[in-house]
Amino acid sequence: MGRRFGALVIDWVLCLLVARGFADPVTEGWAPVLVLIVEYGFFLGLFAQTPGMFITRVRCVSWADGGRIGVLRGLLRGVLLALVVPALIMDANRRGLHDRAAASVVTSAPR
């Protein structure tokens, strides 16, 4: 859980920095959230890791086959993560509602 949270913090800081390029994240709170959703769709869909996940050595893969989840499921996961509550409700496999909806799981990344 610690590495997952660390990855999210790193990704959030990066989203704040990127959002500053086109909006004021303090007064326009939607900007970093939008960047987070796009980041998750792009990076999870194509690489199975966001930059924060890469740094903390975790990855998000398909529950069924361990492969990439694709851009659409990455976007879905990002939207649900932005709602926060789905990430707080976890099952016995440490999968939040956002993971279950996207049929994904967060695992350790190979070295």
C-alpha atoms as a PDB file:
ATOM      1  CA  MET A   1       0.000   0.000   0.000  1.00  0.00           C
ATOM      2  CA  GLY A   2       2.867   2.371   0.747  1.00  0.00           C
ATOM      3  CA  ARG A   3       4.305   2.176  -2.754  1.00  0.00           C
ATOM      4  CA  ARG A   4       0.872   2.686  -4.317  1.00  0.00           C
ATOM      5  CA  PHE A   5       0.305   5.793  -2.225  1.00  0.00           C
ATOM      6  CA  GLY A   6       3.824   7.031  -2.987  1.00  0.00           C
ATOM      7  CA  ALA A   7       3.183   6.581  -6.704  1.00  0.00           C
ATOM      8  CA  LEU A   8      -0.048   8.555  -6.445  1.00  0.00           C
ATOM      9  CA  VAL A   9       1.692  11.408  -4.599  1.00  0.00           C
ATOM     10  CA  ILE A  10       4.436  11.571  -7.235  1.00  0.00           C
ATOM     11  CA  ASP A  11       1.857  11.510 -10.043  1.00  0.00           C
ATOM     12  CA  TRP A  12      -0.217  14.205  -8.336  1.00  0.00           C
ATOM     13  CA  VAL A  13       2.801  16.523  -8.000  1.00  0.00           C
ATOM     14  CA  LEU A  14       3.594  15.972 -11.685  1.00  0.00           C
ATOM     15  CA  CYS A  15      -0.035  16.725 -12.573  1.00  0.00           C
ATOM     16  CA  LEU A  16       0.106  19.963 -10.591  1.00  0.00           C
ATOM     17  CA  LEU A  17       3.261  20.988 -12.469  1.00  0.00           C
ATOM     18  CA  VAL A  18       1.789  20.148 -15.872  1.00  0.00           C
ATOM     19  CA  ALA A  19      -1.512  21.867 -15.044  1.00  0.00           C
ATOM     20  CA  ARG A  20       0.371  25.066 -14.229  1.00  0.00           C
ATOM     21  CA  GLY A  21       1.204  25.261 -17.927  1.00  0.00           C
ATOM     22  CA  PHE A  22      -2.398  26.003 -18.890  1.00  0.00           C
ATOM     23  CA  ALA A  23      -4.292  26.885 -15.692  1.00  0.00           C
ATOM     24  CA  ASP A  24      -3.839  27.914 -12.079  1.00  0.00           C
ATOM     25  CA  PRO A  25      -4.274  24.650 -10.134  1.00  0.00           C
ATOM     26  CA  VAL A  26      -5.109  26.581  -6.956  1.00  0.00           C
ATOM     27  CA  THR A  27      -8.104  28.415  -8.382  1.00  0.00           C
ATOM     28  CA  GLU A  28      -9.005  25.934 -11.117  1.00  0.00           C
ATOM     29  CA  GLY A  29      -8.995  22.601  -9.318  1.00  0.00           C
ATOM     30  CA  TRP A  30     -10.267  20.743 -12.361  1.00  0.00           C
ATOM     31  CA  ALA A  31      -6.964  21.208 -14.222  1.00  0.00           C
ATOM     32  CA  PRO A  32      -4.727  18.786 -12.268  1.00  0.00           C
ATOM     33  CA  VAL A  33      -7.583  16.277 -12.030  1.00  0.00           C
ATOM     34  CA  LEU A  34      -7.980  16.361 -15.813  1.00  0.00           C
ATOM     35  CA  VAL A  35      -4.223  15.907 -16.237  1.00  0.00           C
ATOM     36  CA  LEU A  36      -4.319  12.929 -13.823  1.00  0.00           C
ATOM     37  CA  ILE A  37      -7.092  11.243 -15.805  1.00  0.00           C
ATOM     38  CA  VAL A  38      -5.257  11.764 -19.107  1.00  0.00           C
ATOM     39  CA  GLU A  39      -1.965  10.630 -17.537  1.00  0.00           C
ATOM     40  CA  TYR A  40      -3.571   7.413 -16.308  1.00  0.00           C
ATOM     41  CA  GLY A  41      -5.204   6.723 -19.661  1.00  0.00           C
ATOM     42  CA  PHE A  42      -2.007   7.296 -21.620  1.00  0.00           C
ATOM     43  CA  PHE A  43       0.629   5.758 -19.353  1.00  0.00           C
ATOM     44  CA  LEU A  44      -1.373   2.833 -17.976  1.00  0.00           C
ATOM     45  CA  GLY A  45      -2.866   2.081 -21.355  1.00  0.00           C
ATOM     46  CA  LEU A  46       0.435   2.020 -23.202  1.00  0.00           C
ATOM     47  CA  PHE A  47       3.094   1.237 -20.575  1.00  0.00           C
ATOM     48  CA  ALA A  48       1.234  -0.302 -17.585  1.00  0.00           C
ATOM     49  CA  GLN A  49       2.898   2.312 -15.342  1.00  0.00           C
ATOM     50  CA  THR A  50       2.537   5.988 -14.618  1.00  0.00           C
ATOM     51  CA  PRO A  51       5.757   7.906 -13.891  1.00  0.00           C
ATOM     52  CA  GLY A  52       5.033   7.581 -10.163  1.00  0.00           C
ATOM     53  CA  MET A  53       4.493   3.842 -10.509  1.00  0.00           C
ATOM     54  CA  PHE A  54       7.768   3.538 -12.401  1.00  0.00           C
ATOM     55  CA  ILE A  55       9.649   5.297  -9.600  1.00  0.00           C
ATOM     56  CA  THR A  56       8.008   3.207  -6.849  1.00  0.00           C
ATOM     57  CA  ARG A  57       8.300  -0.025  -8.890  1.00  0.00           C
ATOM     58  CA  VAL A  58       4.661  -0.996  -9.199  1.00  0.00           C
ATOM     59  CA  ARG A  59       2.543  -1.488 -12.289  1.00  0.00           C
ATOM     60  CA  CYS A  60      -1.120  -1.797 -13.190  1.00  0.00           C
ATOM     61  CA  VAL A  61      -2.018  -4.776 -15.351  1.00  0.00           C
ATOM     62  CA  SER A  62      -5.060  -6.678 -16.504  1.00  0.00           C
ATOM     63  CA  TRP A  63      -6.591  -8.926 -13.848  1.00  0.00           C
ATOM     64  CA  ALA A  64      -7.333 -11.596 -16.454  1.00  0.00           C
ATOM     65  CA  ASP A  65      -3.998 -11.991 -18.224  1.00  0.00           C
ATOM     66  CA  GLY A  66      -1.399  -9.661 -16.689  1.00  0.00           C
ATOM     67  CA  GLY A  67      -1.108  -7.592 -19.883  1.00  0.00           C
ATOM     68  CA  ARG A  68      -1.653  -3.887 -20.449  1.00  0.00           C
ATOM     69  CA  ILE A  69      -5.135  -2.611 -19.728  1.00  0.00           C
ATOM     70  CA  GLY A  70      -5.389  -0.284 -22.726  1.00  0.00           C
ATOM     71  CA  VAL A  71      -6.168   3.407 -22.964  1.00  0.00           C
ATOM     72  CA  LEU A  72      -9.944   3.210 -22.401  1.00  0.00           C
ATOM     73  CA  ARG A  73      -9.638   1.121 -19.232  1.00  0.00           C
ATOM     74  CA  GLY A  74      -6.793   3.381 -18.103  1.00  0.00           C
ATOM     75  CA  LEU A  75      -9.071   6.404 -18.556  1.00  0.00           C
ATOM     76  CA  LEU A  76     -11.876   4.657 -16.662  1.00  0.00           C
ATOM     77  CA  ARG A  77      -9.475   3.858 -13.839  1.00  0.00           C
ATOM     78  CA  GLY A  78      -8.295   7.483 -13.802  1.00  0.00           C
ATOM     79  CA  VAL A  79     -11.842   8.876 -13.658  1.00  0.00           C
ATOM     80  CA  LEU A  80     -12.783   6.570 -10.798  1.00  0.00           C
ATOM     81  CA  LEU A  81      -9.527   7.299  -8.966  1.00  0.00           C
ATOM     82  CA  ALA A  82     -10.287  11.015  -9.248  1.00  0.00           C
ATOM     83  CA  LEU A  83     -13.517  10.343  -7.348  1.00  0.00           C
ATOM     84  CA  VAL A  84     -11.320   9.010  -4.456  1.00  0.00           C
ATOM     85  CA  VAL A  85     -14.007   6.850  -2.787  1.00  0.00           C
ATOM     86  CA  PRO A  86     -13.591   3.848  -5.146  1.00  0.00           C
ATOM     87  CA  ALA A  87      -9.893   3.712  -4.252  1.00  0.00           C
ATOM     88  CA  LEU A  88     -10.683   3.539  -0.540  1.00  0.00           C
ATOM     89  CA  ILE A  89     -12.984   0.518  -0.810  1.00  0.00           C
ATOM     90  CA  MET A  90     -10.762  -2.523  -1.304  1.00  0.00           C
ATOM     91  CA  ASP A  91     -11.347  -6.240  -1.502  1.00  0.00           C
ATOM     92  CA  ALA A  92      -9.219  -9.082  -0.117  1.00  0.00           C
ATOM     93  CA  ASN A  93      -6.849  -8.796  -3.102  1.00  0.00           C
ATOM     94  CA  ARG A  94      -6.217  -5.086  -2.395  1.00  0.00           C
ATOM     95  CA  ARG A  95      -8.158  -4.088  -5.486  1.00  0.00           C
ATOM     96  CA  GLY A  96     -10.152  -0.908  -5.147  1.00  0.00           C
ATOM     97  CA  LEU A  97     -13.455  -0.407  -6.904  1.00  0.00           C
ATOM     98  CA  HIS A  98     -11.565   1.476  -9.620  1.00  0.00           C
ATOM     99  CA  ASP A  99      -9.384  -1.619 -10.163  1.00  0.00           C
ATOM    100  CA  ARG A 100     -12.393  -3.919 -10.261  1.00  0.00           C
ATOM    101  CA  ALA A 101     -14.290  -1.686 -12.709  1.00  0.00           C
ATOM    102  CA  ALA A 102     -11.256  -1.542 -15.009  1.00  0.00           C
ATOM    103  CA  ALA A 103     -10.497  -5.271 -14.487  1.00  0.00           C
ATOM    104  CA  SER A 104      -7.005  -4.351 -13.341  1.00  0.00           C
ATOM    105  CA  VAL A 105      -4.655  -5.057 -10.454  1.00  0.00           C
ATOM    106  CA  VAL A 106      -1.595  -3.239  -9.117  1.00  0.00           C
ATOM    107  CA  THR A 107       1.436  -5.520  -8.708  1.00  0.00           C
ATOM    108  CA  SER A 108       5.150  -5.181  -8.120  1.00  0.00           C
ATOM    109  CA  ALA A 109       7.077  -4.353 -11.262  1.00  0.00           C
ATOM    110  CA  PRO A 110       9.897  -6.638 -12.334  1.00  0.00           C
ATOM    111  CA  ARG A 111      13.351  -5.168 -11.855  1.00  0.00           C
END
